[in-house]
Every structure is written in C-alpha cells, then in structure tokens.
Amino acid sequence: MAQKNFVLDTNVLLENPKSITALRNGQENIIHIPYTVLSELDKLKKDPRIGHIVSQAVRAILHDDDVRVFSPDFAITLDDEWMDDRILKEIMHMAPEDAILITNDRILQIKAKVYGIPCEEYRDSDPFRSMSQQFTGFVDEGGEVQPNCFRWESGTPVFHGPDGPHPVAYQHEVWGVKPRSVYQNLALELMLHPGIDLMSIQSEAGYGKTFLALAAALYLTLERKDNQFRKIYLVKPVVEIGAKMGYLPGDIEEKMLPYVRYIQDLLIKLHDMRPANRIFADPTADNLKLNPKRFEIQPVAFIRGMNIENAVVIVDEMQNLSRSETRALLTRMGENVKCICLGDTRQVDNPYLNESNNGLNWTVRKLRGYPNYAHMVLKGDRSRGPITDIVLKSKL
C-alpha cells in the first residue's frame, strides 16, 4: 500500500490525541503538523475544560520523532487573521504535493476544496476517556485479573473478589429493588460485599447508580443481620451557579435542599416500596424530614474535621471534587465505614476541574488494585425511563 502524507488539524488532535498513532498505521504513513496548529494548542493549554487533552496531544507530537512540523519561519511571516487560512497556506507552501488534510471542520473542508487540497474527515473518532471510563471493572478473557474485577466466562460474570473468584449467577434484591440489568446486579454485588470498604461507579445519568446506592445503604443500615452500620451520610459537592448557599434560608438540610431534592425523591420512592421509617423524623408527616441520627446530608466542606465511624457514606457527583478535597474527605473515614462514590467524569460542573483532573478520576487512578477497593462502569440497556433510553442509545 502506498505511503500517505497526512496533515492534522487542531480539532482532530483534540478529538483524539492518539490520532497520530492511528493515522501513522505503524511506519506506513507520514504525519505533518502545521506550525499554526502548535500555536492554537499553545493558546488552549490553559483552558480548564480541555487543557488535559491538549497536554496529551502535545505529548504525542513530542514523543514521535517522525512527526514533521512545518517550519516556523514561514508561519511567522503570515498575517492572516483566521488560523484556518494560515493552515491552508502552510499546506500549500510547506507540505508534500500529495498531502491530505485531516479535519472535522466543515468550513475548513470547503476552503481546502477551493484551493484543491485533498481533505478527509477523521473517521475513527475516539474521544478522550478518563481512567474511570477506561477501567470498566471488567477484564478480557486472558487479561490480567485485578482485585475486585469481573470477567465474563461462558456468558456468566465471574467476580474475582476478596474471597476468590465466584460466578454471579444470582440476582440481588435490595430494599424491594430488583436490578434492571446485569450491570446493576454487579454494582450491588460490590456495594454489599463485606470485604469491599470503598467503591466507585462511573456512569452517565439514568443508569440508576444513586438509586442503587441508596437502596444498598438502607439495607446495610436497617436490615442486614450483622449490622455494623448505624447511620447513612450523603455527601455532595455544592457547585453554586445561582444563589450562594450562605444566603439561602434555614438550617444545613434546608440550605442543601435545592441541590439534593432528587435524593429526597428517591428516598421517598424507596420508602413507598418498603417502609424506611427510622430514617425520617416523623414517618407519618406529610412533609417528610430526615432523622439526623440515621440519615444526614452534608456538603463536603462540613465533613472536614469529622471522624466518621459505623456508617455508610455515599459521595454523589464526585467528579466535582478536587484531588485535595477527595483526599480530605476519604481520610475522614474511620472504623466500620462503607463508602460508595458516584459520578460521571464527562459531566464536570466545577469550572476549575476537567475530565481528567477530578476526584472520581484521581480515586480510580490511585486506588485501583487495592484489595478493599473496587470500581466499575455502570451500563446496560434499561435506565430511568423510555426517553432516557433512546437518548443514551442514540448517543445524543
């Protein structure tokens, strides 16, 4: 097959920093990078939303000695206001005659056509995935088994847990909740296992991670016979977009209500499925309030200085915690604590964090492999409801 010369646009490198390796196809093709693309990457490296992706793209260029960057001398003489026009001029003057521009920018594709520059989209798109997305909790057949992972064997998931491998051929039912998918069932396997103290779940909205965690927490604190857990804490980072929390009226629970109303709705749903009277101050009241001796919702800032013992702790939206906040939170966990961390690194609301630099991803990166820690990516076909189902299936 004839060797090809590919010129990469900035958007391709941001879409997939590994595109250089994919397009090189071993040693078969040559990759060219316009100097103007480097200038664009330089401007974007401090952007908190995509800075981590830019650094991966730059590292890929730096570590591949065969990547050819157009001479900066020519680029410096260009005075075009539009970066795309600069890139096209660099291709016409500096690239081989048979060079193919790889870009997903439709306007740039049209401009390239005007100048007779061959152009293709980057078809094998593989957007950046954080470690919490890459490490699904499953290993392929023949792959290296890690503590508390799953592996499919003859169509059955086998859990390689603290007690050794065993098939999960049974279905859990927790506080009246039956898993809707095999993945929900395996998530409950991790949440309920006495040998796992800390676990994390990555998933998009709609796969039921918070509902499952609450059901497991109710079971562990109110029902299990060897009950060592006395209380449930739900901890949540408060990313304030509108009114500041300090100006909201009421006590901490009332201040937190706008941020955790969905939690109360889920608790009431579970209470309707099976009474959980002890977590409410007055289970007969029309407006149910939580019993602080049994269930407490806390912002992360209030956990510092505490020593949590004999409790189930649910950390919701962990992707909005920083690394230092995550460490401060997890080091509050004392004896007899089960901690369930939930989040989605693709939905970071904290403006100072990104898909790679966040609490959930740091937890997976640093704790993966420890015998009392587990992680999994929750997926499946069924979710919150039929609208959510079609949104997820369509990859909207």
Protein backbone atom coordinates (compact mmCIF):
# COMPACT_ATOMS: atom_id res chain seq x y z
CA MET A 1 0.00 0.00 0.00
CA ALA A 2 1.43 3.42 -0.99
CA GLN A 3 2.69 5.69 1.76
CA LYS A 4 0.42 8.67 2.51
CA ASN A 5 1.14 12.14 3.87
CA PHE A 6 -1.45 13.35 6.38
CA VAL A 7 -1.70 16.91 7.70
CA LEU A 8 -3.59 17.08 11.02
CA ASP A 9 -5.87 19.94 12.00
CA THR A 10 -6.20 21.05 15.62
CA ASN A 11 -9.70 19.64 16.08
CA VAL A 12 -8.54 16.13 15.20
CA LEU A 13 -5.82 16.21 17.85
CA LEU A 14 -8.34 17.43 20.42
CA GLU A 15 -10.92 14.84 19.40
CA ASN A 16 -8.39 12.07 19.85
CA PRO A 17 -4.78 12.70 20.93
CA LYS A 18 -3.98 9.17 19.75
CA SER A 19 -4.92 10.01 16.16
CA ILE A 20 -1.23 10.41 15.26
CA THR A 21 -0.53 6.77 16.08
CA ALA A 22 -3.72 5.59 14.36
CA LEU A 23 -3.05 7.52 11.13
CA ARG A 24 0.62 6.52 11.01
CA ASN A 25 -0.53 2.89 10.83
CA GLY A 26 2.80 1.64 12.13
CA GLN A 27 5.53 3.14 9.94
CA GLU A 28 3.39 3.26 6.82
CA ASN A 29 2.30 6.91 6.70
CA ILE A 30 3.87 10.28 7.49
CA ILE A 31 2.18 12.82 9.80
CA HIS A 32 2.67 16.57 9.30
CA ILE A 33 1.68 19.23 11.82
CA PRO A 34 1.30 22.87 10.69
CA TYR A 35 3.16 25.28 12.96
CA THR A 36 -0.09 27.23 13.29
CA VAL A 37 -1.68 24.15 14.88
CA LEU A 38 1.01 24.28 17.58
CA SER A 39 0.14 27.95 18.13
CA GLU A 40 -3.51 27.03 18.58
CA LEU A 41 -2.64 24.26 21.04
CA ASP A 42 -0.45 26.70 22.96
CA LYS A 43 -3.41 29.08 23.38
CA LEU A 44 -5.69 26.25 24.51
CA LYS A 45 -3.36 24.57 27.03
CA LYS A 46 -4.59 26.72 29.93
CA ASP A 47 -8.27 26.18 29.16
CA PRO A 48 -9.58 24.27 32.23
CA ARG A 49 -12.08 22.37 30.07
CA ILE A 50 -9.65 20.85 27.57
CA GLY A 51 -6.18 21.57 28.92
CA HIS A 52 -5.67 17.91 29.85
CA ILE A 53 -6.46 16.83 26.27
CA VAL A 54 -4.12 19.47 24.83
CA SER A 55 -1.29 18.14 27.00
CA GLN A 56 -1.87 14.63 25.66
CA ALA A 57 -1.82 15.89 22.06
CA VAL A 58 1.40 17.83 22.66
CA ARG A 59 2.98 14.80 24.31
CA ALA A 60 2.04 12.64 21.32
CA ILE A 61 3.72 15.12 18.94
CA LEU A 62 6.79 15.47 21.13
CA HIS A 63 7.40 11.76 21.63
CA ASP A 64 7.03 10.77 17.97
CA ASP A 65 10.32 11.65 16.32
CA ASP A 66 8.88 11.01 12.86
CA VAL A 67 6.14 13.63 13.12
CA ARG A 68 7.09 16.52 10.85
CA VAL A 69 6.25 20.06 11.95
CA PHE A 70 6.20 22.77 9.28
CA SER A 71 8.95 25.36 9.59
CA PRO A 72 8.05 28.21 11.98
CA ASP A 73 9.82 30.74 9.77
CA PHE A 74 7.11 30.60 7.13
CA ALA A 75 4.31 30.74 9.71
CA ILE A 76 5.77 33.84 11.37
CA THR A 77 5.51 35.77 8.10
CA LEU A 78 1.78 35.02 7.79
CA ASP A 79 -0.54 37.79 8.91
CA ASP A 80 -3.89 36.13 8.25
CA GLU A 81 -6.44 36.78 10.97
CA TRP A 82 -8.02 33.35 10.55
CA MET A 83 -5.94 30.41 11.74
CA ASP A 84 -7.62 28.14 9.18
CA ASP A 85 -6.31 30.33 6.34
CA ARG A 86 -2.82 30.19 7.80
CA ILE A 87 -3.01 26.39 7.94
CA LEU A 88 -4.08 26.21 4.29
CA LYS A 89 -1.19 28.43 3.20
CA GLU A 90 1.25 26.32 5.19
CA ILE A 91 -0.06 23.18 3.48
CA MET A 92 0.23 24.75 0.01
CA HIS A 93 3.79 26.01 0.58
CA MET A 94 5.31 23.50 3.02
CA ALA A 95 3.57 20.12 2.65
CA PRO A 96 4.22 17.42 0.03
CA GLU A 97 2.07 17.71 -3.09
CA ASP A 98 0.06 14.62 -2.22
CA ALA A 99 -0.64 15.70 1.37
CA ILE A 100 -4.15 15.03 2.67
CA LEU A 101 -5.64 17.41 5.24
CA ILE A 102 -7.41 15.57 8.06
CA THR A 103 -10.04 17.77 9.69
CA ASN A 104 -13.57 17.56 11.04
CA ASP A 105 -14.10 21.29 10.49
CA ARG A 106 -16.65 21.57 7.65
CA ILE A 107 -15.73 25.17 6.80
CA LEU A 108 -12.07 24.25 6.53
CA GLN A 109 -13.03 21.32 4.30
CA ILE A 110 -14.80 23.72 1.93
CA LYS A 111 -11.86 26.12 1.95
CA ALA A 112 -9.44 23.25 1.25
CA LYS A 113 -11.58 22.20 -1.71
CA VAL A 114 -11.36 25.75 -3.12
CA TYR A 115 -7.56 25.51 -3.10
CA GLY A 116 -7.54 21.96 -4.47
CA ILE A 117 -6.19 20.43 -1.25
CA PRO A 118 -7.34 16.83 -0.73
CA CYS A 119 -9.28 16.59 2.52
CA GLU A 120 -10.74 13.81 4.68
CA GLU A 121 -12.59 13.60 7.98
CA TYR A 122 -11.02 11.68 10.82
CA ARG A 123 -13.30 8.65 10.68
CA ASP A 124 -12.01 6.57 13.59
CA SER A 125 -13.05 9.10 16.17
CA ASP A 126 -12.23 8.04 19.72
CA PRO A 127 -12.80 10.95 22.10
CA PHE A 128 -10.76 11.30 25.28
CA ARG A 129 -11.77 8.95 28.06
CA SER A 130 -10.74 9.33 31.67
CA MET A 131 -9.28 6.43 33.66
CA SER A 132 -12.65 6.00 35.39
CA GLN A 133 -14.15 5.38 31.93
CA GLN A 134 -11.31 3.26 30.53
CA PHE A 135 -11.12 0.91 33.51
CA THR A 136 -14.59 -0.59 33.40
CA GLY A 137 -14.12 -3.09 36.22
CA PHE A 138 -14.04 -5.91 33.67
CA VAL A 139 -11.00 -7.69 32.25
CA ASP A 140 -10.93 -9.51 28.93
CA GLU A 141 -10.53 -13.25 28.77
CA GLY A 142 -6.83 -13.97 29.17
CA GLY A 143 -6.22 -10.48 30.61
CA GLU A 144 -4.58 -9.85 33.95
CA VAL A 145 -7.04 -10.22 36.82
CA GLN A 146 -7.10 -7.28 39.22
CA PRO A 147 -8.56 -7.20 42.73
CA ASN A 148 -12.36 -7.00 42.75
CA CYS A 149 -12.82 -7.10 38.98
CA PHE A 150 -15.24 -9.07 36.84
CA ARG A 151 -14.56 -11.33 33.89
CA TRP A 152 -17.04 -12.94 31.53
CA GLU A 153 -16.65 -16.73 31.48
CA SER A 154 -19.03 -18.84 29.37
CA GLY A 155 -21.54 -15.99 29.34
CA THR A 156 -21.55 -15.56 33.13
CA PRO A 157 -19.81 -12.74 35.02
CA VAL A 158 -17.24 -14.09 37.47
CA PHE A 159 -16.30 -11.86 40.39
CA HIS A 160 -12.66 -12.02 41.45
CA GLY A 161 -13.26 -10.66 44.94
CA PRO A 162 -11.65 -10.82 48.38
CA ASP A 163 -12.90 -14.41 48.83
CA GLY A 164 -11.62 -15.64 45.49
CA PRO A 165 -13.44 -15.99 42.16
CA HIS A 166 -17.09 -16.97 42.04
CA PRO A 167 -19.78 -16.67 39.35
CA VAL A 168 -22.55 -14.13 39.92
CA ALA A 169 -25.37 -16.25 38.55
CA TYR A 170 -27.91 -14.97 41.07
CA GLN A 171 -29.91 -11.76 41.20
CA HIS A 172 -29.85 -9.41 44.16
CA GLU A 173 -32.98 -7.83 45.55
CA VAL A 174 -32.27 -4.97 47.92
CA TRP A 175 -34.96 -2.99 49.75
CA GLY A 176 -37.51 -4.13 47.18
CA VAL A 177 -35.27 -3.07 44.28
CA LYS A 178 -34.55 -5.63 41.58
CA PRO A 179 -31.70 -4.82 39.18
CA ARG A 180 -32.81 -3.93 35.67
CA SER A 181 -29.59 -5.14 34.08
CA VAL A 182 -26.70 -7.48 34.78
CA TYR A 183 -24.51 -4.42 35.38
CA GLN A 184 -26.84 -3.06 38.07
CA ASN A 185 -26.74 -6.50 39.68
CA LEU A 186 -22.93 -6.48 39.67
CA ALA A 187 -22.89 -2.97 41.14
CA LEU A 188 -24.97 -4.28 44.03
CA GLU A 189 -22.54 -7.19 44.37
CA LEU A 190 -19.78 -4.65 45.05
CA MET A 191 -21.87 -2.41 47.30
CA LEU A 192 -22.98 -5.29 49.53
CA HIS A 193 -19.71 -7.23 49.74
CA PRO A 194 -18.32 -7.06 53.30
CA GLY A 195 -14.72 -7.20 52.05
CA ILE A 196 -15.02 -4.02 49.97
CA ASP A 197 -14.77 -0.84 52.01
CA LEU A 198 -14.55 1.68 49.19
CA MET A 199 -16.02 1.50 45.72
CA SER A 200 -16.66 3.92 42.86
CA ILE A 201 -19.15 3.85 40.00
CA GLN A 202 -18.82 5.76 36.74
CA SER A 203 -21.87 6.15 34.53
CA GLU A 204 -23.96 8.60 32.61
CA ALA A 205 -27.15 9.89 34.16
CA GLY A 206 -30.03 7.48 34.03
CA TYR A 207 -28.35 4.18 34.84
CA GLY A 208 -29.57 4.16 38.44
CA LYS A 209 -26.32 4.47 40.39
CA THR A 210 -27.73 6.83 43.05
CA PHE A 211 -30.94 4.80 43.43
CA LEU A 212 -28.96 1.57 43.85
CA ALA A 213 -26.58 3.17 46.35
CA LEU A 214 -29.48 4.45 48.47
CA ALA A 215 -31.21 1.06 48.39
CA ALA A 216 -27.97 -0.67 49.42
CA ALA A 217 -27.42 1.88 52.20
CA LEU A 218 -30.91 1.31 53.61
CA TYR A 219 -30.35 -2.44 53.55
CA LEU A 220 -26.92 -2.21 55.20
CA THR A 221 -28.06 0.11 58.00
CA LEU A 222 -31.61 -1.07 58.66
CA GLU A 223 -31.85 -4.72 57.69
CA ARG A 224 -28.61 -6.73 57.48
CA LYS A 225 -28.29 -9.05 60.47
CA ASP A 226 -24.61 -8.41 61.16
CA ASN A 227 -25.49 -4.73 61.26
CA GLN A 228 -22.34 -2.73 61.97
CA PHE A 229 -23.62 0.43 60.28
CA ARG A 230 -25.69 2.88 62.31
CA LYS A 231 -26.07 5.85 60.01
CA ILE A 232 -26.09 6.99 56.38
CA TYR A 233 -24.24 10.08 55.22
CA LEU A 234 -24.82 11.51 51.79
CA VAL A 235 -22.00 13.89 50.87
CA LYS A 236 -22.22 16.17 47.89
CA PRO A 237 -20.05 18.91 46.42
CA VAL A 238 -22.03 22.11 46.04
CA VAL A 239 -21.18 23.80 42.76
CA GLU A 240 -23.02 27.10 43.17
CA ILE A 241 -24.30 28.52 39.90
CA GLY A 242 -27.10 30.74 41.15
CA ALA A 243 -27.85 31.83 44.72
CA LYS A 244 -24.98 31.28 47.12
CA MET A 245 -25.62 28.67 49.76
CA GLY A 246 -24.84 31.08 52.62
CA TYR A 247 -27.70 33.35 51.58
CA LEU A 248 -30.28 30.59 51.41
CA PRO A 249 -32.64 30.48 54.43
CA GLY A 250 -32.80 27.71 57.01
CA ASP A 251 -30.51 25.08 58.54
CA ILE A 252 -27.99 22.97 56.59
CA GLU A 253 -30.62 20.47 55.44
CA GLU A 254 -32.87 23.27 54.17
CA LYS A 255 -29.94 25.04 52.51
CA MET A 256 -28.95 21.82 50.77
CA LEU A 257 -32.49 21.02 49.60
CA PRO A 258 -32.23 22.75 46.18
CA TYR A 259 -29.12 20.66 45.45
CA VAL A 260 -30.42 17.31 46.74
CA ARG A 261 -34.15 17.37 46.08
CA TYR A 262 -33.74 14.40 43.76
CA ILE A 263 -32.18 12.46 46.66
CA GLN A 264 -35.25 13.03 48.78
CA ASP A 265 -37.47 11.99 45.89
CA LEU A 266 -35.53 8.74 45.55
CA LEU A 267 -35.72 8.10 49.30
CA ILE A 268 -39.49 8.62 49.28
CA LYS A 269 -39.75 6.23 46.32
CA LEU A 270 -37.78 3.60 48.26
CA HIS A 271 -39.89 4.31 51.37
CA ASP A 272 -43.04 3.68 49.32
CA MET A 273 -41.61 0.39 48.07
CA ARG A 274 -40.71 -0.70 51.57
CA PRO A 275 -41.09 1.44 54.73
CA ALA A 276 -37.89 3.01 55.99
CA ASN A 277 -39.46 4.76 58.98
CA ARG A 278 -36.27 5.07 61.02
CA ILE A 279 -34.57 7.46 58.58
CA PHE A 280 -37.40 10.02 58.94
CA ALA A 281 -38.03 12.26 61.94
CA ASP A 282 -41.79 11.65 61.64
CA PRO A 283 -42.70 8.99 59.05
CA THR A 284 -46.40 9.92 59.33
CA ALA A 285 -45.90 13.58 58.43
CA ASP A 286 -46.97 14.94 55.06
CA ASN A 287 -43.63 16.68 54.65
CA LEU A 288 -41.03 14.05 55.47
CA LYS A 289 -37.86 15.32 57.14
CA LEU A 290 -34.79 13.20 57.68
CA ASN A 291 -33.85 11.89 61.10
CA PRO A 292 -30.31 13.26 61.60
CA LYS A 293 -29.43 10.31 63.85
CA ARG A 294 -29.97 7.95 60.92
CA PHE A 295 -29.54 9.92 57.69
CA GLU A 296 -27.63 13.11 57.16
CA ILE A 297 -26.94 15.12 54.01
CA GLN A 298 -23.76 17.15 54.21
CA PRO A 299 -21.83 19.46 51.88
CA VAL A 300 -18.20 18.40 51.53
CA ALA A 301 -16.92 21.42 53.47
CA PHE A 302 -18.73 20.24 56.63
CA ILE A 303 -17.04 16.82 56.62
CA ARG A 304 -13.58 18.24 57.33
CA GLY A 305 -12.63 17.62 60.94
CA MET A 306 -15.19 14.84 61.39
CA ASN A 307 -14.36 11.24 62.24
CA ILE A 308 -16.99 9.06 60.58
CA GLU A 309 -17.49 5.57 62.02
CA ASN A 310 -20.08 2.79 61.73
CA ALA A 311 -21.70 4.39 58.72
CA VAL A 312 -22.46 4.05 55.03
CA VAL A 313 -21.20 7.10 53.16
CA ILE A 314 -22.46 7.95 49.68
CA VAL A 315 -20.40 10.54 47.82
CA ASP A 316 -22.52 11.86 44.96
CA GLU A 317 -21.14 13.68 41.90
CA MET A 318 -17.57 13.00 42.92
CA GLN A 319 -16.32 14.38 39.60
CA ASN A 320 -16.93 17.87 41.03
CA LEU A 321 -14.43 17.35 43.86
CA SER A 322 -10.78 18.35 43.53
CA ARG A 323 -7.97 15.95 44.35
CA SER A 324 -7.28 17.69 47.68
CA GLU A 325 -10.98 17.70 48.60
CA THR A 326 -11.19 13.99 47.77
CA ARG A 327 -8.22 13.21 49.99
CA ALA A 328 -9.63 15.35 52.82
CA LEU A 329 -12.98 13.56 52.52
CA LEU A 330 -11.74 9.98 52.31
CA THR A 331 -9.33 10.43 55.22
CA ARG A 332 -12.35 11.20 57.44
CA MET A 333 -13.44 7.56 57.16
CA GLY A 334 -12.84 5.66 60.41
CA GLU A 335 -13.73 2.15 61.57
CA ASN A 336 -16.62 0.22 60.02
CA VAL A 337 -17.33 2.51 57.09
CA LYS A 338 -18.61 1.55 53.66
CA CYS A 339 -18.01 4.37 51.18
CA ILE A 340 -19.76 4.41 47.80
CA CYS A 341 -18.50 7.06 45.37
CA LEU A 342 -20.64 8.01 42.37
CA GLY A 343 -20.06 10.25 39.39
CA ASP A 344 -19.51 10.84 35.70
CA THR A 345 -16.23 12.42 34.59
CA ARG A 346 -17.91 13.58 31.36
CA GLN A 347 -20.14 15.98 33.33
CA VAL A 348 -17.78 18.18 35.33
CA ASP A 349 -19.56 21.35 36.50
CA ASN A 350 -16.74 22.72 38.63
CA PRO A 351 -15.04 25.36 36.44
CA TYR A 352 -11.64 24.60 37.99
CA LEU A 353 -11.71 20.87 37.18
CA ASN A 354 -11.80 18.84 33.98
CA GLU A 355 -12.43 15.31 32.73
CA SER A 356 -9.05 14.09 33.93
CA ASN A 357 -8.36 16.30 36.94
CA ASN A 358 -11.24 15.50 39.29
CA GLY A 359 -11.92 13.48 42.42
CA LEU A 360 -13.51 10.45 40.77
CA ASN A 361 -10.73 10.02 38.24
CA TRP A 362 -7.99 10.51 40.86
CA THR A 363 -9.63 7.88 43.06
CA VAL A 364 -9.57 5.29 40.27
CA ARG A 365 -6.03 6.18 39.20
CA LYS A 366 -4.55 5.96 42.70
CA LEU A 367 -6.61 3.24 44.41
CA ARG A 368 -7.07 0.75 41.58
CA GLY A 369 -5.52 -2.55 42.64
CA TYR A 370 -6.01 -2.23 46.40
CA PRO A 371 -7.74 -5.33 47.87
CA ASN A 372 -10.59 -3.45 49.59
CA TYR A 373 -11.36 -1.07 46.68
CA ALA A 374 -13.49 -1.72 43.60
CA HIS A 375 -14.57 0.27 40.58
CA MET A 376 -16.94 -0.36 37.71
CA VAL A 377 -18.58 1.42 34.80
CA LEU A 378 -22.34 1.02 35.04
CA LYS A 379 -24.05 0.49 31.71
CA GLY A 380 -26.84 -1.54 30.16
CA ASP A 381 -29.96 -1.16 28.05
CA ARG A 382 -32.52 -0.07 30.60
CA SER A 383 -32.36 3.06 32.66
CA ARG A 384 -34.51 5.78 34.15
CA GLY A 385 -37.26 5.60 31.55
CA PRO A 386 -38.05 5.31 27.83
CA ILE A 387 -36.93 8.87 26.98
CA THR A 388 -33.58 8.43 28.73
CA ASP A 389 -33.21 5.05 27.00
CA ILE A 390 -33.47 6.48 23.48
CA VAL A 391 -31.19 9.43 24.35
CA LEU A 392 -28.47 7.09 25.59
CA LYS A 393 -28.88 4.66 22.69
CA SER A 394 -28.72 7.47 20.13
CA LYS A 395 -25.57 8.90 21.77
CA LEU A 396 -27.18 12.35 21.62
